Amino acid sequence: MSHNPVMPTDVSDRLGVFDRFAESASRLASRAWFFCFCVLLVLLWAPSILLIRNIDTWQLIINTLTTIVTFLMVALLQNSQMRADQAVQHKLNAIADALADLMFEHDATRDAQELRAAVGLETKESTSDNSKDEFDSASS
Protein backbone atom coordinates (compact mmCIF):
# COMPACT_ATOMS: atom_id res chain seq x y z
CA MET A 1 0.00 0.00 0.00
CA SER A 2 1.39 3.38 -1.03
CA HIS A 3 1.68 6.18 1.51
CA ASN A 4 1.84 8.84 -1.19
CA PRO A 5 -1.44 10.62 -1.83
CA VAL A 6 -3.05 10.14 -5.23
CA MET A 7 -2.65 13.38 -7.06
CA PRO A 8 -5.08 14.86 -9.60
CA THR A 9 -2.66 14.28 -12.48
CA ASP A 10 -2.65 10.57 -11.56
CA VAL A 11 -6.43 10.33 -12.13
CA SER A 12 -7.45 8.88 -15.46
CA ASP A 13 -10.05 10.58 -17.66
CA ARG A 14 -11.33 7.13 -18.68
CA LEU A 15 -14.38 5.71 -16.96
CA GLY A 16 -15.26 2.02 -16.89
CA VAL A 17 -18.38 0.59 -18.48
CA PHE A 18 -20.32 0.54 -15.21
CA ASP A 19 -19.22 4.08 -14.34
CA ARG A 20 -20.43 5.34 -17.73
CA PHE A 21 -23.72 3.48 -17.29
CA ALA A 22 -24.13 4.89 -13.76
CA GLU A 23 -23.41 8.39 -15.08
CA SER A 24 -26.01 8.04 -17.83
CA ALA A 25 -28.62 6.58 -15.48
CA SER A 26 -27.97 9.32 -12.94
CA ARG A 27 -28.42 11.98 -15.60
CA LEU A 28 -31.64 10.32 -16.77
CA ALA A 29 -33.12 9.87 -13.30
CA SER A 30 -32.42 13.47 -12.31
CA ARG A 31 -34.59 14.96 -15.06
CA ALA A 32 -38.06 16.36 -14.41
CA TRP A 33 -39.59 14.34 -17.24
CA PHE A 34 -38.38 11.11 -15.60
CA PHE A 35 -40.19 12.06 -12.40
CA CYS A 36 -43.33 12.82 -14.42
CA PHE A 37 -43.02 9.42 -16.11
CA CYS A 38 -42.88 7.75 -12.67
CA VAL A 39 -45.97 9.65 -11.54
CA LEU A 40 -47.72 8.59 -14.75
CA LEU A 41 -46.91 4.94 -14.05
CA VAL A 42 -48.45 5.21 -10.58
CA LEU A 43 -51.51 6.91 -12.04
CA LEU A 44 -51.86 4.08 -14.56
CA TRP A 45 -51.32 1.44 -11.88
CA ALA A 46 -53.94 2.83 -9.49
CA PRO A 47 -57.04 2.09 -11.62
CA SER A 48 -55.64 -1.33 -12.59
CA ILE A 49 -57.42 -2.62 -9.47
CA LEU A 50 -60.50 -2.79 -11.69
CA LEU A 51 -58.75 -5.29 -13.98
CA ILE A 52 -56.82 -7.30 -11.40
CA ARG A 53 -59.58 -7.45 -8.75
CA ASN A 54 -57.30 -9.10 -6.21
CA ILE A 55 -55.96 -6.42 -3.86
CA ASP A 56 -52.97 -8.51 -2.76
CA THR A 57 -51.79 -9.01 -6.34
CA TRP A 58 -52.49 -5.37 -7.13
CA GLN A 59 -50.33 -4.19 -4.21
CA LEU A 60 -47.65 -6.79 -4.92
CA ILE A 61 -47.16 -5.36 -8.42
CA ILE A 62 -46.35 -1.83 -7.24
CA ASN A 63 -44.35 -3.02 -4.22
CA THR A 64 -42.19 -5.30 -6.36
CA LEU A 65 -41.57 -2.67 -9.01
CA THR A 66 -40.64 0.05 -6.53
CA THR A 67 -38.38 -2.29 -4.55
CA ILE A 68 -36.46 -3.35 -7.66
CA VAL A 69 -36.08 0.21 -8.94
CA THR A 70 -35.00 1.46 -5.50
CA PHE A 71 -32.45 -1.33 -5.13
CA LEU A 72 -30.89 -0.58 -8.53
CA MET A 73 -30.92 3.19 -8.05
CA VAL A 74 -29.12 2.88 -4.71
CA ALA A 75 -26.29 0.99 -6.43
CA LEU A 76 -26.03 3.60 -9.18
CA LEU A 77 -26.18 6.55 -6.81
CA GLN A 78 -23.58 4.96 -4.52
CA ASN A 79 -21.23 4.67 -7.50
CA SER A 80 -21.74 8.34 -8.36
CA GLN A 81 -21.27 9.44 -4.75
CA MET A 82 -18.12 7.34 -4.32
CA ARG A 83 -16.50 8.89 -7.40
CA ALA A 84 -17.44 12.40 -6.23
CA ASP A 85 -15.95 11.67 -2.80
CA GLN A 86 -12.76 10.38 -4.42
CA ALA A 87 -12.48 13.55 -6.52
CA VAL A 88 -12.73 15.69 -3.39
CA GLN A 89 -10.13 13.54 -1.62
CA HIS A 90 -7.71 13.89 -4.55
CA LYS A 91 -8.14 17.66 -4.46
CA LEU A 92 -7.47 17.74 -0.74
CA ASN A 93 -4.38 15.55 -1.22
CA ALA A 94 -3.03 17.96 -3.83
CA ILE A 95 -3.70 21.00 -1.68
CA ALA A 96 -2.16 19.42 1.42
CA ASP A 97 0.91 18.24 -0.50
CA ALA A 98 1.42 21.62 -2.14
CA LEU A 99 1.05 23.49 1.13
CA ALA A 100 3.46 21.13 2.89
CA ASP A 101 6.02 21.57 0.10
CA LEU A 102 5.58 25.33 0.05
CA MET A 103 6.15 25.46 3.80
CA PHE A 104 9.50 23.77 3.28
CA GLU A 105 10.25 25.66 0.04
CA HIS A 106 10.60 22.62 -2.23
CA ASP A 107 9.99 22.58 -5.96
CA ALA A 108 6.82 24.68 -6.24
CA THR A 109 6.41 24.17 -10.01
CA ARG A 110 5.08 20.62 -9.70
CA ASP A 111 2.88 21.68 -6.78
CA ALA A 112 1.39 24.51 -8.81
CA GLN A 113 0.58 22.06 -11.61
CA GLU A 114 -1.06 19.67 -9.14
CA LEU A 115 -3.14 22.50 -7.68
CA ARG A 116 -4.29 23.56 -11.17
CA ALA A 117 -5.17 19.93 -11.95
CA ALA A 118 -7.07 19.66 -8.65
CA VAL A 119 -9.24 22.63 -9.54
CA GLY A 120 -10.51 20.89 -12.68
CA LEU A 121 -10.63 17.39 -11.20
CA GLU A 122 -14.41 17.26 -11.01
CA THR A 123 -14.53 17.15 -14.80
CA LYS A 124 -12.54 13.90 -14.70
CA GLU A 125 -14.41 12.11 -11.91
CA SER A 126 -17.82 13.68 -11.52
CA THR A 127 -21.00 12.14 -12.84
CA SER A 128 -22.41 15.57 -13.57
CA ASP A 129 -21.88 17.32 -16.90
CA ASN A 130 -22.44 20.69 -15.29
CA SER A 131 -19.98 20.28 -12.40
CA LYS A 132 -17.40 22.33 -14.32
CA ASP A 133 -20.03 24.98 -15.04
CA GLU A 134 -20.96 25.10 -11.35
CA PHE A 135 -17.30 25.56 -10.42
CA ASP A 136 -16.77 28.23 -13.07
CA SER A 137 -19.79 30.20 -11.90
CA ALA A 138 -18.76 29.84 -8.25
CA SER A 139 -15.23 31.09 -8.94
CA SER A 140 -16.37 34.12 -10.95
C-alpha atoms as a PDB file:
ATOM      1  CA  MET A   1       0.000   0.000   0.000  1.00  0.00           C
ATOM      2  CA  SER A   2       1.393   3.378  -1.027  1.00  0.00           C
ATOM      3  CA  HIS A   3       1.679   6.178   1.506  1.00  0.00           C
ATOM      4  CA  ASN A   4       1.839   8.841  -1.192  1.00  0.00           C
ATOM      5  CA  PRO A   5      -1.441  10.619  -1.827  1.00  0.00           C
ATOM      6  CA  VAL A   6      -3.049  10.137  -5.228  1.00  0.00           C
ATOM      7  CA  MET A   7      -2.646  13.383  -7.064  1.00  0.00           C
ATOM      8  CA  PRO A   8      -5.082  14.865  -9.598  1.00  0.00           C
ATOM      9  CA  THR A   9      -2.662  14.283 -12.476  1.00  0.00           C
ATOM     10  CA  ASP A  10      -2.654  10.572 -11.561  1.00  0.00           C
ATOM     11  CA  VAL A  11      -6.428  10.331 -12.129  1.00  0.00           C
ATOM     12  CA  SER A  12      -7.455   8.883 -15.464  1.00  0.00           C
ATOM     13  CA  ASP A  13     -10.047  10.577 -17.664  1.00  0.00           C
ATOM     14  CA  ARG A  14     -11.330   7.134 -18.683  1.00  0.00           C
ATOM     15  CA  LEU A  15     -14.381   5.709 -16.964  1.00  0.00           C
ATOM     16  CA  GLY A  16     -15.258   2.025 -16.895  1.00  0.00           C
ATOM     17  CA  VAL A  17     -18.385   0.590 -18.476  1.00  0.00           C
ATOM     18  CA  PHE A  18     -20.325   0.540 -15.213  1.00  0.00           C
ATOM     19  CA  ASP A  19     -19.223   4.084 -14.343  1.00  0.00           C
ATOM     20  CA  ARG A  20     -20.427   5.343 -17.731  1.00  0.00           C
ATOM     21  CA  PHE A  21     -23.717   3.483 -17.289  1.00  0.00           C
ATOM     22  CA  ALA A  22     -24.134   4.893 -13.758  1.00  0.00           C
ATOM     23  CA  GLU A  23     -23.406   8.386 -15.083  1.00  0.00           C
ATOM     24  CA  SER A  24     -26.014   8.045 -17.832  1.00  0.00           C
ATOM     25  CA  ALA A  25     -28.616   6.578 -15.483  1.00  0.00           C
ATOM     26  CA  SER A  26     -27.969   9.322 -12.940  1.00  0.00           C
ATOM     27  CA  ARG A  27     -28.423  11.979 -15.602  1.00  0.00           C
ATOM     28  CA  LEU A  28     -31.641  10.318 -16.770  1.00  0.00           C
ATOM     29  CA  ALA A  29     -33.121   9.869 -13.296  1.00  0.00           C
ATOM     30  CA  SER A  30     -32.418  13.475 -12.310  1.00  0.00           C
ATOM     31  CA  ARG A  31     -34.592  14.959 -15.060  1.00  0.00           C
ATOM     32  CA  ALA A  32     -38.060  16.360 -14.413  1.00  0.00           C
ATOM     33  CA  TRP A  33     -39.589  14.337 -17.244  1.00  0.00           C
ATOM     34  CA  PHE A  34     -38.379  11.113 -15.598  1.00  0.00           C
ATOM     35  CA  PHE A  35     -40.189  12.059 -12.404  1.00  0.00           C
ATOM     36  CA  CYS A  36     -43.328  12.818 -14.422  1.00  0.00           C
ATOM     37  CA  PHE A  37     -43.018   9.425 -16.109  1.00  0.00           C
ATOM     38  CA  CYS A  38     -42.875   7.749 -12.674  1.00  0.00           C
ATOM     39  CA  VAL A  39     -45.968   9.648 -11.542  1.00  0.00           C
ATOM     40  CA  LEU A  40     -47.720   8.592 -14.751  1.00  0.00           C
ATOM     41  CA  LEU A  41     -46.909   4.944 -14.054  1.00  0.00           C
ATOM     42  CA  VAL A  42     -48.447   5.210 -10.583  1.00  0.00           C
ATOM     43  CA  LEU A  43     -51.508   6.906 -12.042  1.00  0.00           C
ATOM     44  CA  LEU A  44     -51.855   4.079 -14.561  1.00  0.00           C
ATOM     45  CA  TRP A  45     -51.316   1.442 -11.883  1.00  0.00           C
ATOM     46  CA  ALA A  46     -53.941   2.826  -9.493  1.00  0.00           C
ATOM     47  CA  PRO A  47     -57.037   2.094 -11.617  1.00  0.00           C
ATOM     48  CA  SER A  48     -55.645  -1.327 -12.588  1.00  0.00           C
ATOM     49  CA  ILE A  49     -57.418  -2.616  -9.467  1.00  0.00           C
ATOM     50  CA  LEU A  50     -60.505  -2.788 -11.685  1.00  0.00           C
ATOM     51  CA  LEU A  51     -58.755  -5.291 -13.977  1.00  0.00           C
ATOM     52  CA  ILE A  52     -56.817  -7.296 -11.397  1.00  0.00           C
ATOM     53  CA  ARG A  53     -59.581  -7.448  -8.754  1.00  0.00           C
ATOM     54  CA  ASN A  54     -57.297  -9.098  -6.212  1.00  0.00           C
ATOM     55  CA  ILE A  55     -55.961  -6.415  -3.864  1.00  0.00           C
ATOM     56  CA  ASP A  56     -52.974  -8.514  -2.758  1.00  0.00           C
ATOM     57  CA  THR A  57     -51.793  -9.007  -6.340  1.00  0.00           C
ATOM     58  CA  TRP A  58     -52.495  -5.366  -7.130  1.00  0.00           C
ATOM     59  CA  GLN A  59     -50.326  -4.187  -4.209  1.00  0.00           C
ATOM     60  CA  LEU A  60     -47.655  -6.790  -4.918  1.00  0.00           C
ATOM     61  CA  ILE A  61     -47.163  -5.363  -8.416  1.00  0.00           C
ATOM     62  CA  ILE A  62     -46.347  -1.831  -7.236  1.00  0.00           C
ATOM     63  CA  ASN A  63     -44.351  -3.025  -4.218  1.00  0.00           C
ATOM     64  CA  THR A  64     -42.191  -5.303  -6.357  1.00  0.00           C
ATOM     65  CA  LEU A  65     -41.567  -2.670  -9.011  1.00  0.00           C
ATOM     66  CA  THR A  66     -40.636   0.050  -6.533  1.00  0.00           C
ATOM     67  CA  THR A  67     -38.378  -2.288  -4.555  1.00  0.00           C
ATOM     68  CA  ILE A  68     -36.460  -3.347  -7.662  1.00  0.00           C
ATOM     69  CA  VAL A  69     -36.077   0.212  -8.941  1.00  0.00           C
ATOM     70  CA  THR A  70     -34.996   1.463  -5.501  1.00  0.00           C
ATOM     71  CA  PHE A  71     -32.449  -1.332  -5.135  1.00  0.00           C
ATOM     72  CA  LEU A  72     -30.895  -0.583  -8.533  1.00  0.00           C
ATOM     73  CA  MET A  73     -30.915   3.193  -8.055  1.00  0.00           C
ATOM     74  CA  VAL A  74     -29.122   2.877  -4.706  1.00  0.00           C
ATOM     75  CA  ALA A  75     -26.293   0.994  -6.427  1.00  0.00           C
ATOM     76  CA  LEU A  76     -26.032   3.600  -9.183  1.00  0.00           C
ATOM     77  CA  LEU A  77     -26.182   6.554  -6.813  1.00  0.00           C
ATOM     78  CA  GLN A  78     -23.583   4.961  -4.520  1.00  0.00           C
ATOM     79  CA  ASN A  79     -21.231   4.670  -7.495  1.00  0.00           C
ATOM     80  CA  SER A  80     -21.744   8.336  -8.360  1.00  0.00           C
ATOM     81  CA  GLN A  81     -21.269   9.439  -4.754  1.00  0.00           C
ATOM     82  CA  MET A  82     -18.122   7.343  -4.319  1.00  0.00           C
ATOM     83  CA  ARG A  83     -16.497   8.887  -7.397  1.00  0.00           C
ATOM     84  CA  ALA A  84     -17.444  12.397  -6.228  1.00  0.00           C
ATOM     85  CA  ASP A  85     -15.945  11.667  -2.803  1.00  0.00           C
ATOM     86  CA  GLN A  86     -12.756  10.382  -4.421  1.00  0.00           C
ATOM     87  CA  ALA A  87     -12.478  13.553  -6.520  1.00  0.00           C
ATOM     88  CA  VAL A  88     -12.734  15.694  -3.390  1.00  0.00           C
ATOM     89  CA  GLN A  89     -10.131  13.540  -1.625  1.00  0.00           C
ATOM     90  CA  HIS A  90      -7.706  13.886  -4.554  1.00  0.00           C
ATOM     91  CA  LYS A  91      -8.144  17.662  -4.456  1.00  0.00           C
ATOM     92  CA  LEU A  92      -7.471  17.742  -0.738  1.00  0.00           C
ATOM     93  CA  ASN A  93      -4.379  15.549  -1.225  1.00  0.00           C
ATOM     94  CA  ALA A  94      -3.028  17.963  -3.835  1.00  0.00           C
ATOM     95  CA  ILE A  95      -3.696  21.003  -1.676  1.00  0.00           C
ATOM     96  CA  ALA A  96      -2.156  19.415   1.420  1.00  0.00           C
ATOM     97  CA  ASP A  97       0.912  18.242  -0.498  1.00  0.00           C
ATOM     98  CA  ALA A  98       1.418  21.624  -2.140  1.00  0.00           C
ATOM     99  CA  LEU A  99       1.046  23.486   1.132  1.00  0.00           C
ATOM    100  CA  ALA A 100       3.459  21.132   2.887  1.00  0.00           C
ATOM    101  CA  ASP A 101       6.024  21.566   0.105  1.00  0.00           C
ATOM    102  CA  LEU A 102       5.581  25.332   0.048  1.00  0.00           C
ATOM    103  CA  MET A 103       6.152  25.463   3.797  1.00  0.00           C
ATOM    104  CA  PHE A 104       9.501  23.765   3.283  1.00  0.00           C
ATOM    105  CA  GLU A 105      10.252  25.659   0.035  1.00  0.00           C
ATOM    106  CA  HIS A 106      10.605  22.620  -2.225  1.00  0.00           C
ATOM    107  CA  ASP A 107       9.987  22.585  -5.959  1.00  0.00           C
ATOM    108  CA  ALA A 108       6.821  24.679  -6.237  1.00  0.00           C
ATOM    109  CA  THR A 109       6.414  24.166 -10.014  1.00  0.00           C
ATOM    110  CA  ARG A 110       5.076  20.618  -9.705  1.00  0.00           C
ATOM    111  CA  ASP A 111       2.880  21.680  -6.777  1.00  0.00           C
ATOM    112  CA  ALA A 112       1.390  24.515  -8.807  1.00  0.00           C
ATOM    113  CA  GLN A 113       0.583  22.060 -11.607  1.00  0.00           C
ATOM    114  CA  GLU A 114      -1.060  19.674  -9.136  1.00  0.00           C
ATOM    115  CA  LEU A 115      -3.139  22.503  -7.683  1.00  0.00           C
ATOM    116  CA  ARG A 116      -4.288  23.556 -11.166  1.00  0.00           C
ATOM    117  CA  ALA A 117      -5.170  19.931 -11.947  1.00  0.00           C
ATOM    118  CA  ALA A 118      -7.075  19.660  -8.645  1.00  0.00           C
ATOM    119  CA  VAL A 119      -9.243  22.632  -9.535  1.00  0.00           C
ATOM    120  CA  GLY A 120     -10.507  20.894 -12.677  1.00  0.00           C
ATOM    121  CA  LEU A 121     -10.628  17.389 -11.202  1.00  0.00           C
ATOM    122  CA  GLU A 122     -14.409  17.262 -11.010  1.00  0.00           C
ATOM    123  CA  THR A 123     -14.527  17.151 -14.799  1.00  0.00           C
ATOM    124  CA  LYS A 124     -12.541  13.905 -14.696  1.00  0.00           C
ATOM    125  CA  GLU A 125     -14.407  12.108 -11.912  1.00  0.00           C
ATOM    126  CA  SER A 126     -17.817  13.683 -11.518  1.00  0.00           C
ATOM    127  CA  THR A 127     -21.005  12.144 -12.841  1.00  0.00           C
ATOM    128  CA  SER A 128     -22.409  15.566 -13.573  1.00  0.00           C
ATOM    129  CA  ASP A 129     -21.880  17.316 -16.898  1.00  0.00           C
ATOM    130  CA  ASN A 130     -22.438  20.690 -15.290  1.00  0.00           C
ATOM    131  CA  SER A 131     -19.977  20.281 -12.398  1.00  0.00           C
ATOM    132  CA  LYS A 132     -17.403  22.332 -14.323  1.00  0.00           C
ATOM    133  CA  ASP A 133     -20.031  24.978 -15.040  1.00  0.00           C
ATOM    134  CA  GLU A 134     -20.964  25.096 -11.353  1.00  0.00           C
ATOM    135  CA  PHE A 135     -17.298  25.562 -10.422  1.00  0.00           C
ATOM    136  CA  ASP A 136     -16.766  28.228 -13.074  1.00  0.00           C
ATOM    137  CA  SER A 137     -19.791  30.197 -11.903  1.00  0.00           C
ATOM    138  CA  ALA A 138     -18.755  29.843  -8.253  1.00  0.00           C
ATOM    139  CA  SER A 139     -15.233  31.089  -8.937  1.00  0.00           C
ATOM    140  CA  SER A 140     -16.369  34.125 -10.945  1.00  0.00           C
END
